[in-house]
Amino acid sequence: MNVATAPVPRGASGATGPEMAFGAIVRQRREARGISLREFARRCEISPAHLSKIERALSSPSLDTLARIVQRLDLHQANLFGRGEGERPVTQVVRADDAVRLPAESGDLRVAAQTPGATVVLGHGGPDSFPPPTTSPAQVIVVVLEGAVEAAVGDGLFALGTGDALIVPASTSYATRITGGPATRTATVTTAS
């Protein structure tokens, strides 16, 4: 299964492939629903300028922004790989090389699996200092597959090692940082409940 079955247009940033395809899918779905860029940005709690950059593959969304975009547009893995909405659900295997990649400031993020009820993002490396806290409209589960992570949730600070998981309730402010070096790998699951 390929992310793009036809040549993907080059964005203004020079981006091609999944990064460009994701932005194009977001824009297509938003416009098909008759939602203005400004209104959709408000619904996703981001600036219209940032949404425009995401749609044009000039910027990548954070994990929380990605989750909000996916939920607000009711996207799932089939939509990200260009399958039609009316098609009957089928069993899918998403190969690592075919997953939608989300370039990050440091490290690598990819959408490993997605359904209407959950999104799974795999991370490799990442920031070693806390980014600004974010609040997800859905429950978030962070699993450390290898290495170490520190999480700030509300007023609490949690150290997580290989095999540990953190469950953050919906609408709770949190931030994570990598403390186990660039080889640290994580899986983050955003669920509807």
C-alpha atoms as a PDB file:
ATOM      1  CA  MET A   1       0.000   0.000   0.000  1.00  0.00           C
ATOM      2  CA  ASN A   2       1.428   3.366  -0.957  1.00  0.00           C
ATOM      3  CA  VAL A   3       0.596   6.669   0.705  1.00  0.00           C
ATOM      4  CA  ALA A   4       0.225   8.316  -2.691  1.00  0.00           C
ATOM      5  CA  THR A   5      -0.735   6.403  -5.826  1.00  0.00           C
ATOM      6  CA  ALA A   6       0.030   9.326  -8.135  1.00  0.00           C
ATOM      7  CA  PRO A   7       2.762  11.945  -8.068  1.00  0.00           C
ATOM      8  CA  VAL A   8       2.118  14.306  -5.190  1.00  0.00           C
ATOM      9  CA  PRO A   9       2.377  18.027  -5.938  1.00  0.00           C
ATOM     10  CA  ARG A  10       5.276  19.881  -4.396  1.00  0.00           C
ATOM     11  CA  GLY A  11       4.349  22.374  -1.679  1.00  0.00           C
ATOM     12  CA  ALA A  12       5.774  25.866  -1.474  1.00  0.00           C
ATOM     13  CA  SER A  13       8.255  24.494   1.062  1.00  0.00           C
ATOM     14  CA  GLY A  14       9.431  21.818  -1.361  1.00  0.00           C
ATOM     15  CA  ALA A  15       7.611  19.127   0.641  1.00  0.00           C
ATOM     16  CA  THR A  16       6.330  16.052  -1.152  1.00  0.00           C
ATOM     17  CA  GLY A  17       4.790  12.740  -0.172  1.00  0.00           C
ATOM     18  CA  PRO A  18       2.843  12.099   3.054  1.00  0.00           C
ATOM     19  CA  GLU A  19       3.551  15.526   4.571  1.00  0.00           C
ATOM     20  CA  MET A  20       2.039  17.245   1.522  1.00  0.00           C
ATOM     21  CA  ALA A  21      -0.728  14.630   1.207  1.00  0.00           C
ATOM     22  CA  PHE A  22      -1.887  15.133   4.811  1.00  0.00           C
ATOM     23  CA  GLY A  23      -2.291  18.888   4.360  1.00  0.00           C
ATOM     24  CA  ALA A  24      -4.123  18.398   1.062  1.00  0.00           C
ATOM     25  CA  ILE A  25      -6.512  15.900   2.686  1.00  0.00           C
ATOM     26  CA  VAL A  26      -7.226  18.324   5.536  1.00  0.00           C
ATOM     27  CA  ARG A  27      -7.956  21.155   3.121  1.00  0.00           C
ATOM     28  CA  GLN A  28     -10.091  18.976   0.841  1.00  0.00           C
ATOM     29  CA  ARG A  29     -12.184  17.635   3.736  1.00  0.00           C
ATOM     30  CA  ARG A  30     -12.564  21.093   5.315  1.00  0.00           C
ATOM     31  CA  GLU A  31     -13.670  22.689   2.045  1.00  0.00           C
ATOM     32  CA  ALA A  32     -16.017  19.779   1.230  1.00  0.00           C
ATOM     33  CA  ARG A  33     -17.793  20.467   4.512  1.00  0.00           C
ATOM     34  CA  GLY A  34     -18.061  24.161   3.671  1.00  0.00           C
ATOM     35  CA  ILE A  35     -15.947  25.249   6.654  1.00  0.00           C
ATOM     36  CA  SER A  36     -13.827  28.360   6.214  1.00  0.00           C
ATOM     37  CA  LEU A  37     -10.156  28.236   7.119  1.00  0.00           C
ATOM     38  CA  ARG A  38     -10.722  30.818   9.878  1.00  0.00           C
ATOM     39  CA  GLU A  39     -13.673  28.880  11.385  1.00  0.00           C
ATOM     40  CA  PHE A  40     -11.878  25.530  11.251  1.00  0.00           C
ATOM     41  CA  ALA A  41      -8.778  27.044  12.870  1.00  0.00           C
ATOM     42  CA  ARG A  42     -11.005  28.328  15.690  1.00  0.00           C
ATOM     43  CA  ARG A  43     -12.525  24.859  16.135  1.00  0.00           C
ATOM     44  CA  CYS A  44      -9.028  23.329  16.282  1.00  0.00           C
ATOM     45  CA  GLU A  45      -7.782  25.993  18.710  1.00  0.00           C
ATOM     46  CA  ILE A  46      -4.979  27.158  16.402  1.00  0.00           C
ATOM     47  CA  SER A  47      -4.358  30.302  14.393  1.00  0.00           C
ATOM     48  CA  PRO A  48      -5.636  30.531  10.810  1.00  0.00           C
ATOM     49  CA  ALA A  49      -2.042  31.179   9.694  1.00  0.00           C
ATOM     50  CA  HIS A  50      -0.843  27.921  11.312  1.00  0.00           C
ATOM     51  CA  LEU A  51      -3.700  25.922   9.743  1.00  0.00           C
ATOM     52  CA  SER A  52      -2.878  27.415   6.346  1.00  0.00           C
ATOM     53  CA  LYS A  53       0.759  26.346   6.765  1.00  0.00           C
ATOM     54  CA  ILE A  54      -0.322  22.805   7.732  1.00  0.00           C
ATOM     55  CA  GLU A  55      -2.579  22.571   4.674  1.00  0.00           C
ATOM     56  CA  ARG A  56       0.247  23.776   2.410  1.00  0.00           C
ATOM     57  CA  ALA A  57       2.835  21.437   4.057  1.00  0.00           C
ATOM     58  CA  LEU A  58       4.873  24.383   5.320  1.00  0.00           C
ATOM     59  CA  SER A  59       4.391  23.331   8.950  1.00  0.00           C
ATOM     60  CA  SER A  60       3.580  20.127  10.810  1.00  0.00           C
ATOM     61  CA  PRO A  61       0.923  19.941  13.522  1.00  0.00           C
ATOM     62  CA  SER A  62       1.780  19.042  17.100  1.00  0.00           C
ATOM     63  CA  LEU A  63       0.352  15.760  18.351  1.00  0.00           C
ATOM     64  CA  ASP A  64      -2.542  17.546  20.063  1.00  0.00           C
ATOM     65  CA  THR A  65      -3.280  19.699  17.028  1.00  0.00           C
ATOM     66  CA  LEU A  66      -3.214  16.577  14.862  1.00  0.00           C
ATOM     67  CA  ALA A  67      -5.707  14.902  17.209  1.00  0.00           C
ATOM     68  CA  ARG A  68      -8.023  17.928  17.082  1.00  0.00           C
ATOM     69  CA  ILE A  69      -7.855  18.118  13.267  1.00  0.00           C
ATOM     70  CA  VAL A  70      -8.557  14.385  12.939  1.00  0.00           C
ATOM     71  CA  GLN A  71     -11.490  14.548  15.377  1.00  0.00           C
ATOM     72  CA  ARG A  72     -13.023  17.735  13.940  1.00  0.00           C
ATOM     73  CA  LEU A  73     -12.913  16.329  10.406  1.00  0.00           C
ATOM     74  CA  ASP A  74     -13.779  12.770  11.475  1.00  0.00           C
ATOM     75  CA  LEU A  75     -10.724  11.464   9.661  1.00  0.00           C
ATOM     76  CA  HIS A  76      -9.375   7.968  10.122  1.00  0.00           C
ATOM     77  CA  GLN A  77      -6.548   5.923   8.623  1.00  0.00           C
ATOM     78  CA  ALA A  78      -8.531   5.121   5.468  1.00  0.00           C
ATOM     79  CA  ASN A  79      -9.081   8.840   4.800  1.00  0.00           C
ATOM     80  CA  LEU A  80      -5.395   9.600   5.305  1.00  0.00           C
ATOM     81  CA  PHE A  81      -4.519   6.992   2.699  1.00  0.00           C
ATOM     82  CA  GLY A  82      -7.072   8.308   0.221  1.00  0.00           C
ATOM     83  CA  ARG A  83      -9.865   5.738   0.542  1.00  0.00           C
ATOM     84  CA  GLY A  84     -13.385   6.989   0.032  1.00  0.00           C
ATOM     85  CA  GLU A  85     -15.780   7.654   2.885  1.00  0.00           C
ATOM     86  CA  GLY A  86     -18.471   5.365   1.506  1.00  0.00           C
ATOM     87  CA  GLU A  87     -16.245   2.324   1.205  1.00  0.00           C
ATOM     88  CA  ARG A  88     -16.930  -0.599   3.497  1.00  0.00           C
ATOM     89  CA  PRO A  89     -14.388  -0.944   6.348  1.00  0.00           C
ATOM     90  CA  VAL A  90     -11.758  -3.592   5.736  1.00  0.00           C
ATOM     91  CA  THR A  91      -8.952  -5.082   7.760  1.00  0.00           C
ATOM     92  CA  GLN A  92      -5.860  -2.983   7.181  1.00  0.00           C
ATOM     93  CA  VAL A  93      -2.159  -3.438   7.640  1.00  0.00           C
ATOM     94  CA  VAL A  94      -0.216  -0.195   7.665  1.00  0.00           C
ATOM     95  CA  ARG A  95       3.449  -0.829   6.973  1.00  0.00           C
ATOM     96  CA  ALA A  96       5.948   1.404   8.767  1.00  0.00           C
ATOM     97  CA  ASP A  97       7.131   2.930   5.494  1.00  0.00           C
ATOM     98  CA  ASP A  98       3.541   3.794   4.522  1.00  0.00           C
ATOM     99  CA  ALA A  99       2.514   5.580   7.730  1.00  0.00           C
ATOM    100  CA  VAL A 100       1.844   9.304   7.546  1.00  0.00           C
ATOM    101  CA  ARG A 101       4.957  11.026   8.869  1.00  0.00           C
ATOM    102  CA  LEU A 102       4.757  14.250  10.814  1.00  0.00           C
ATOM    103  CA  PRO A 103       8.138  15.965  10.866  1.00  0.00           C
ATOM    104  CA  ALA A 104       8.765  17.425  14.308  1.00  0.00           C
ATOM    105  CA  GLU A 105      11.195  20.023  15.610  1.00  0.00           C
ATOM    106  CA  SER A 106      13.249  17.194  17.042  1.00  0.00           C
ATOM    107  CA  GLY A 107      12.694  13.498  16.604  1.00  0.00           C
ATOM    108  CA  ASP A 108      10.226  11.795  14.281  1.00  0.00           C
ATOM    109  CA  LEU A 109       6.471  11.262  14.586  1.00  0.00           C
ATOM    110  CA  ARG A 110       4.252   9.050  12.471  1.00  0.00           C
ATOM    111  CA  VAL A 111       0.571   8.162  12.570  1.00  0.00           C
ATOM    112  CA  ALA A 112       0.791   4.388  12.968  1.00  0.00           C
ATOM    113  CA  ALA A 113      -2.950   3.711  13.056  1.00  0.00           C
ATOM    114  CA  GLN A 114      -6.156   5.649  13.152  1.00  0.00           C
ATOM    115  CA  THR A 115      -9.857   4.895  13.510  1.00  0.00           C
ATOM    116  CA  PRO A 116     -12.809   7.155  14.295  1.00  0.00           C
ATOM    117  CA  GLY A 117     -12.284   6.307  17.999  1.00  0.00           C
ATOM    118  CA  ALA A 118      -8.511   6.423  18.394  1.00  0.00           C
ATOM    119  CA  THR A 119      -5.248   7.697  16.935  1.00  0.00           C
ATOM    120  CA  VAL A 120      -1.868   6.027  17.558  1.00  0.00           C
ATOM    121  CA  VAL A 121       1.263   8.101  16.988  1.00  0.00           C
ATOM    122  CA  LEU A 122       4.735   6.582  17.315  1.00  0.00           C
ATOM    123  CA  GLY A 123       7.568   8.876  18.312  1.00  0.00           C
ATOM    124  CA  HIS A 124      11.326   8.422  18.063  1.00  0.00           C
ATOM    125  CA  GLY A 125      13.360  10.985  19.959  1.00  0.00           C
ATOM    126  CA  GLY A 126      11.854  14.375  20.696  1.00  0.00           C
ATOM    127  CA  PRO A 127      12.398  17.494  22.770  1.00  0.00           C
ATOM    128  CA  ASP A 128      14.629  17.284  25.840  1.00  0.00           C
ATOM    129  CA  SER A 129      12.959  20.335  27.398  1.00  0.00           C
ATOM    130  CA  PHE A 130       9.280  20.795  28.128  1.00  0.00           C
ATOM    131  CA  PRO A 131       7.271  22.387  25.313  1.00  0.00           C
ATOM    132  CA  PRO A 132       4.342  24.592  26.359  1.00  0.00           C
ATOM    133  CA  PRO A 133       1.640  22.455  28.004  1.00  0.00           C
ATOM    134  CA  THR A 134      -1.240  21.351  25.801  1.00  0.00           C
ATOM    135  CA  THR A 135      -4.762  20.227  26.586  1.00  0.00           C
ATOM    136  CA  SER A 136      -6.329  17.476  24.498  1.00  0.00           C
ATOM    137  CA  PRO A 137     -10.109  17.289  24.122  1.00  0.00           C
ATOM    138  CA  ALA A 138      -9.710  13.496  24.349  1.00  0.00           C
ATOM    139  CA  GLN A 139      -7.995  11.067  26.710  1.00  0.00           C
ATOM    140  CA  VAL A 140      -4.282  10.604  25.938  1.00  0.00           C
ATOM    141  CA  ILE A 141      -2.202   7.523  26.767  1.00  0.00           C
ATOM    142  CA  VAL A 142       1.592   7.758  26.482  1.00  0.00           C
ATOM    143  CA  VAL A 143       3.563   4.479  26.525  1.00  0.00           C
ATOM    144  CA  VAL A 144       7.358   4.466  26.696  1.00  0.00           C
ATOM    145  CA  LEU A 145       8.537   1.682  24.384  1.00  0.00           C
ATOM    146  CA  GLU A 146      12.232   2.316  25.006  1.00  0.00           C
ATOM    147  CA  GLY A 147      14.162   4.933  26.971  1.00  0.00           C
ATOM    148  CA  ALA A 148      12.781   7.489  29.406  1.00  0.00           C
ATOM    149  CA  VAL A 149      10.277  10.351  29.408  1.00  0.00           C
ATOM    150  CA  GLU A 150       9.285  12.943  31.967  1.00  0.00           C
ATOM    151  CA  ALA A 151       5.677  14.163  31.996  1.00  0.00           C
ATOM    152  CA  ALA A 152       4.228  17.264  33.620  1.00  0.00           C
ATOM    153  CA  VAL A 153       0.502  16.800  34.242  1.00  0.00           C
ATOM    154  CA  GLY A 154      -1.256  19.582  36.108  1.00  0.00           C
ATOM    155  CA  ASP A 155       0.949  20.165  39.160  1.00  0.00           C
ATOM    156  CA  GLY A 156       2.486  16.669  39.041  1.00  0.00           C
ATOM    157  CA  LEU A 157       5.783  15.535  37.521  1.00  0.00           C
ATOM    158  CA  PHE A 158       6.134  11.881  36.501  1.00  0.00           C
ATOM    159  CA  ALA A 159       9.242   9.942  35.443  1.00  0.00           C
ATOM    160  CA  LEU A 160       8.450   7.138  32.978  1.00  0.00           C
ATOM    161  CA  GLY A 161      10.777   4.337  31.879  1.00  0.00           C
ATOM    162  CA  THR A 162      10.596   1.521  29.368  1.00  0.00           C
ATOM    163  CA  GLY A 163       7.203  -0.184  29.587  1.00  0.00           C
ATOM    164  CA  ASP A 164       5.576   2.558  31.704  1.00  0.00           C
ATOM    165  CA  ALA A 165       2.337   4.228  30.612  1.00  0.00           C
ATOM    166  CA  LEU A 166       0.725   7.521  31.520  1.00  0.00           C
ATOM    167  CA  ILE A 167      -3.025   8.089  31.151  1.00  0.00           C
ATOM    168  CA  VAL A 168      -4.022  11.747  30.887  1.00  0.00           C
ATOM    169  CA  PRO A 169      -7.759  12.447  31.226  1.00  0.00           C
ATOM    170  CA  ALA A 170      -9.484  14.552  28.581  1.00  0.00           C
ATOM    171  CA  SER A 171      -9.183  18.316  29.057  1.00  0.00           C
ATOM    172  CA  THR A 172      -6.132  17.990  31.329  1.00  0.00           C
ATOM    173  CA  SER A 173      -3.054  20.127  30.676  1.00  0.00           C
ATOM    174  CA  TYR A 174       0.156  18.142  30.090  1.00  0.00           C
ATOM    175  CA  ALA A 175       3.597  18.202  28.458  1.00  0.00           C
ATOM    176  CA  THR A 176       6.268  15.555  27.918  1.00  0.00           C
ATOM    177  CA  ARG A 177       9.999  15.661  27.324  1.00  0.00           C
ATOM    178  CA  ILE A 178      12.553  13.016  26.434  1.00  0.00           C
ATOM    179  CA  THR A 179      15.038  12.232  29.209  1.00  0.00           C
ATOM    180  CA  GLY A 180      16.401   8.964  27.804  1.00  0.00           C
ATOM    181  CA  GLY A 181      18.233  10.376  24.791  1.00  0.00           C
ATOM    182  CA  PRO A 182      17.458  10.353  21.069  1.00  0.00           C
ATOM    183  CA  ALA A 183      16.881   6.576  20.977  1.00  0.00           C
ATOM    184  CA  THR A 184      13.781   6.956  23.179  1.00  0.00           C
ATOM    185  CA  ARG A 185      10.647   5.592  21.496  1.00  0.00           C
ATOM    186  CA  THR A 186       7.065   6.305  22.535  1.00  0.00           C
ATOM    187  CA  ALA A 187       3.535   5.428  21.490  1.00  0.00           C
ATOM    188  CA  THR A 188       0.821   8.003  22.127  1.00  0.00           C
ATOM    189  CA  VAL A 189      -2.815   6.962  21.842  1.00  0.00           C
ATOM    190  CA  THR A 190      -5.559   9.581  21.728  1.00  0.00           C
ATOM    191  CA  THR A 191      -8.967   8.048  22.369  1.00  0.00           C
ATOM    192  CA  ALA A 192     -12.501   9.350  22.149  1.00  0.00           C
ATOM    193  CA  SER A 193     -13.220   8.428  25.767  1.00  0.00           C
END
